Amino acid sequence: MGNSTATRILLLIVAVLAACLAGMTVGWVTWAIEPSAAQTLIAGGSAFSSALALMLASYNFVMRRDA
């Protein structure tokens, strides 16, 4: 894969969409277990942020020149 700007933007969009999917899934499961809006937002938000961090770190590792 190249290091062009278009490739990086595409990978960023894919990472954000995957993190949104993870956050929504955790939010729905949390809401199904206990219908509390605050708990659902905390669980979904933390799942989103951790999934996004993991995806961006893995993309950074893959896009390095020495990898």
N, C-alpha and C. Protein backbone atom coordinates (compact mmCIF):
# COMPACT_ATOMS: atom_id res chain seq x y z
N MET A 1 0.83 -1.18 0.00
CA MET A 1 0.00 0.00 0.00
C MET A 1 0.87 1.24 0.00
N GLY A 2 0.41 2.23 -0.68
CA GLY A 2 1.16 3.47 -0.74
C GLY A 2 0.90 4.34 0.48
N ASN A 3 1.69 5.37 0.61
CA ASN A 3 1.53 6.32 1.70
C ASN A 3 0.87 7.60 1.23
N SER A 4 0.05 7.52 0.21
CA SER A 4 -0.56 8.73 -0.32
C SER A 4 -1.66 9.22 0.64
N THR A 5 -2.05 10.46 0.45
CA THR A 5 -3.08 11.06 1.28
C THR A 5 -4.42 10.37 1.10
N ALA A 6 -4.75 9.98 -0.10
CA ALA A 6 -6.03 9.31 -0.35
C ALA A 6 -6.10 7.98 0.38
N THR A 7 -5.01 7.24 0.41
CA THR A 7 -4.99 5.96 1.11
C THR A 7 -5.17 6.16 2.60
N ARG A 8 -4.52 7.16 3.15
CA ARG A 8 -4.63 7.43 4.58
C ARG A 8 -6.04 7.88 4.95
N ILE A 9 -6.67 8.69 4.12
CA ILE A 9 -8.04 9.14 4.40
C ILE A 9 -9.00 7.97 4.31
N LEU A 10 -8.81 7.10 3.34
CA LEU A 10 -9.66 5.92 3.21
C LEU A 10 -9.52 5.01 4.43
N LEU A 11 -8.30 4.79 4.89
CA LEU A 11 -8.10 3.97 6.08
C LEU A 11 -8.70 4.61 7.32
N LEU A 12 -8.64 5.93 7.42
CA LEU A 12 -9.25 6.64 8.55
C LEU A 12 -10.77 6.47 8.53
N ILE A 13 -11.37 6.56 7.36
CA ILE A 13 -12.82 6.39 7.24
C ILE A 13 -13.23 4.97 7.62
N VAL A 14 -12.46 3.99 7.17
CA VAL A 14 -12.75 2.60 7.52
C VAL A 14 -12.62 2.39 9.03
N ALA A 15 -11.60 2.99 9.65
CA ALA A 15 -11.41 2.85 11.09
C ALA A 15 -12.57 3.48 11.86
N VAL A 16 -13.01 4.65 11.45
CA VAL A 16 -14.13 5.32 12.13
C VAL A 16 -15.41 4.53 11.97
N LEU A 17 -15.68 4.00 10.78
CA LEU A 17 -16.89 3.21 10.58
C LEU A 17 -16.87 1.92 11.40
N ALA A 18 -15.72 1.27 11.48
CA ALA A 18 -15.62 0.05 12.29
C ALA A 18 -15.79 0.37 13.77
N ALA A 19 -15.24 1.49 14.22
CA ALA A 19 -15.40 1.88 15.62
C ALA A 19 -16.85 2.25 15.92
N CYS A 20 -17.53 2.88 14.96
CA CYS A 20 -18.95 3.19 15.15
C CYS A 20 -19.77 1.92 15.28
N LEU A 21 -19.45 0.93 14.48
CA LEU A 21 -20.16 -0.35 14.56
C LEU A 21 -19.94 -1.00 15.92
N ALA A 22 -18.72 -0.98 16.41
CA ALA A 22 -18.43 -1.56 17.72
C ALA A 22 -19.15 -0.79 18.83
N GLY A 23 -19.13 0.54 18.76
CA GLY A 23 -19.79 1.35 19.78
C GLY A 23 -21.30 1.16 19.79
N MET A 24 -21.92 1.09 18.60
CA MET A 24 -23.36 0.88 18.54
C MET A 24 -23.75 -0.50 19.06
N THR A 25 -22.96 -1.51 18.73
CA THR A 25 -23.27 -2.86 19.19
C THR A 25 -23.20 -2.94 20.71
N VAL A 26 -22.15 -2.39 21.29
CA VAL A 26 -22.02 -2.39 22.75
C VAL A 26 -23.13 -1.56 23.38
N GLY A 27 -23.49 -0.45 22.77
CA GLY A 27 -24.58 0.36 23.29
C GLY A 27 -25.91 -0.37 23.28
N TRP A 28 -26.21 -1.06 22.20
CA TRP A 28 -27.47 -1.81 22.13
C TRP A 28 -27.50 -2.94 23.14
N VAL A 29 -26.40 -3.65 23.29
CA VAL A 29 -26.36 -4.75 24.25
C VAL A 29 -26.50 -4.20 25.68
N THR A 30 -25.83 -3.10 25.97
CA THR A 30 -25.94 -2.49 27.29
C THR A 30 -27.36 -2.02 27.56
N TRP A 31 -28.00 -1.43 26.57
CA TRP A 31 -29.38 -0.97 26.72
C TRP A 31 -30.34 -2.14 26.91
N ALA A 32 -30.07 -3.26 26.24
CA ALA A 32 -30.92 -4.44 26.38
C ALA A 32 -30.79 -5.05 27.77
N ILE A 33 -29.60 -4.99 28.35
CA ILE A 33 -29.40 -5.55 29.68
C ILE A 33 -30.03 -4.66 30.74
N GLU A 34 -29.73 -3.37 30.68
CA GLU A 34 -30.29 -2.42 31.65
C GLU A 34 -30.55 -1.10 30.94
N PRO A 35 -31.81 -0.71 30.78
CA PRO A 35 -32.13 0.52 30.04
C PRO A 35 -31.79 1.80 30.82
N SER A 36 -30.52 2.12 30.85
CA SER A 36 -30.03 3.34 31.48
C SER A 36 -29.24 4.11 30.43
N ALA A 37 -29.69 5.33 30.14
CA ALA A 37 -29.06 6.11 29.08
C ALA A 37 -27.60 6.45 29.41
N ALA A 38 -27.33 6.79 30.65
CA ALA A 38 -25.96 7.17 31.03
C ALA A 38 -25.01 5.99 30.91
N GLN A 39 -25.44 4.84 31.39
CA GLN A 39 -24.59 3.65 31.31
C GLN A 39 -24.37 3.23 29.86
N THR A 40 -25.41 3.37 29.04
CA THR A 40 -25.29 3.02 27.62
C THR A 40 -24.31 3.94 26.91
N LEU A 41 -24.39 5.24 27.18
CA LEU A 41 -23.46 6.19 26.56
C LEU A 41 -22.02 5.94 26.98
N ILE A 42 -21.81 5.64 28.24
CA ILE A 42 -20.45 5.39 28.72
C ILE A 42 -19.88 4.12 28.07
N ALA A 43 -20.68 3.06 28.05
CA ALA A 43 -20.20 1.80 27.47
C ALA A 43 -19.97 1.94 25.97
N GLY A 44 -20.90 2.55 25.24
CA GLY A 44 -20.74 2.73 23.80
C GLY A 44 -19.59 3.65 23.45
N GLY A 45 -19.44 4.72 24.21
CA GLY A 45 -18.34 5.65 23.97
C GLY A 45 -16.98 5.04 24.23
N SER A 46 -16.89 4.27 25.30
CA SER A 46 -15.60 3.64 25.58
C SER A 46 -15.28 2.56 24.56
N ALA A 47 -16.29 1.83 24.08
CA ALA A 47 -16.04 0.84 23.03
C ALA A 47 -15.62 1.52 21.73
N PHE A 48 -16.25 2.65 21.40
CA PHE A 48 -15.87 3.39 20.20
C PHE A 48 -14.42 3.87 20.28
N SER A 49 -14.08 4.49 21.41
CA SER A 49 -12.73 5.06 21.51
C SER A 49 -11.65 3.97 21.55
N SER A 50 -11.91 2.88 22.22
CA SER A 50 -10.89 1.83 22.25
C SER A 50 -10.76 1.13 20.90
N ALA A 51 -11.88 0.92 20.21
CA ALA A 51 -11.80 0.31 18.88
C ALA A 51 -11.09 1.24 17.89
N LEU A 52 -11.35 2.53 17.98
CA LEU A 52 -10.69 3.48 17.09
C LEU A 52 -9.19 3.53 17.37
N ALA A 53 -8.82 3.54 18.63
CA ALA A 53 -7.39 3.55 18.97
C ALA A 53 -6.70 2.29 18.48
N LEU A 54 -7.34 1.15 18.64
CA LEU A 54 -6.76 -0.11 18.18
C LEU A 54 -6.62 -0.14 16.66
N MET A 55 -7.64 0.33 15.94
CA MET A 55 -7.57 0.34 14.48
C MET A 55 -6.49 1.29 13.98
N LEU A 56 -6.41 2.48 14.56
CA LEU A 56 -5.40 3.44 14.11
C LEU A 56 -3.99 2.96 14.44
N ALA A 57 -3.82 2.31 15.58
CA ALA A 57 -2.49 1.77 15.91
C ALA A 57 -2.10 0.65 14.96
N SER A 58 -3.05 -0.19 14.61
CA SER A 58 -2.72 -1.28 13.67
C SER A 58 -2.44 -0.73 12.27
N TYR A 59 -3.19 0.28 11.83
CA TYR A 59 -2.91 0.89 10.53
C TYR A 59 -1.55 1.58 10.55
N ASN A 60 -1.21 2.21 11.66
CA ASN A 60 0.09 2.85 11.76
C ASN A 60 1.21 1.82 11.66
N PHE A 61 1.02 0.67 12.29
CA PHE A 61 2.01 -0.39 12.21
C PHE A 61 2.14 -0.92 10.78
N VAL A 62 1.03 -1.10 10.11
CA VAL A 62 1.05 -1.66 8.75
C VAL A 62 1.63 -0.66 7.75
N MET A 63 1.39 0.63 7.94
CA MET A 63 1.80 1.63 6.96
C MET A 63 3.25 2.08 7.14
N ARG A 64 3.92 1.63 8.21
CA ARG A 64 5.32 2.01 8.39
C ARG A 64 6.17 1.41 7.26
N ARG A 65 7.23 2.07 6.93
CA ARG A 65 8.09 1.60 5.84
C ARG A 65 8.88 0.37 6.22
N ASP A 66 9.21 0.20 7.50
CA ASP A 66 10.03 -0.93 7.91
C ASP A 66 9.21 -2.15 8.31
N ALA A 67 7.90 -2.08 8.20
CA ALA A 67 7.05 -3.23 8.60
C ALA A 67 7.07 -4.30 7.51
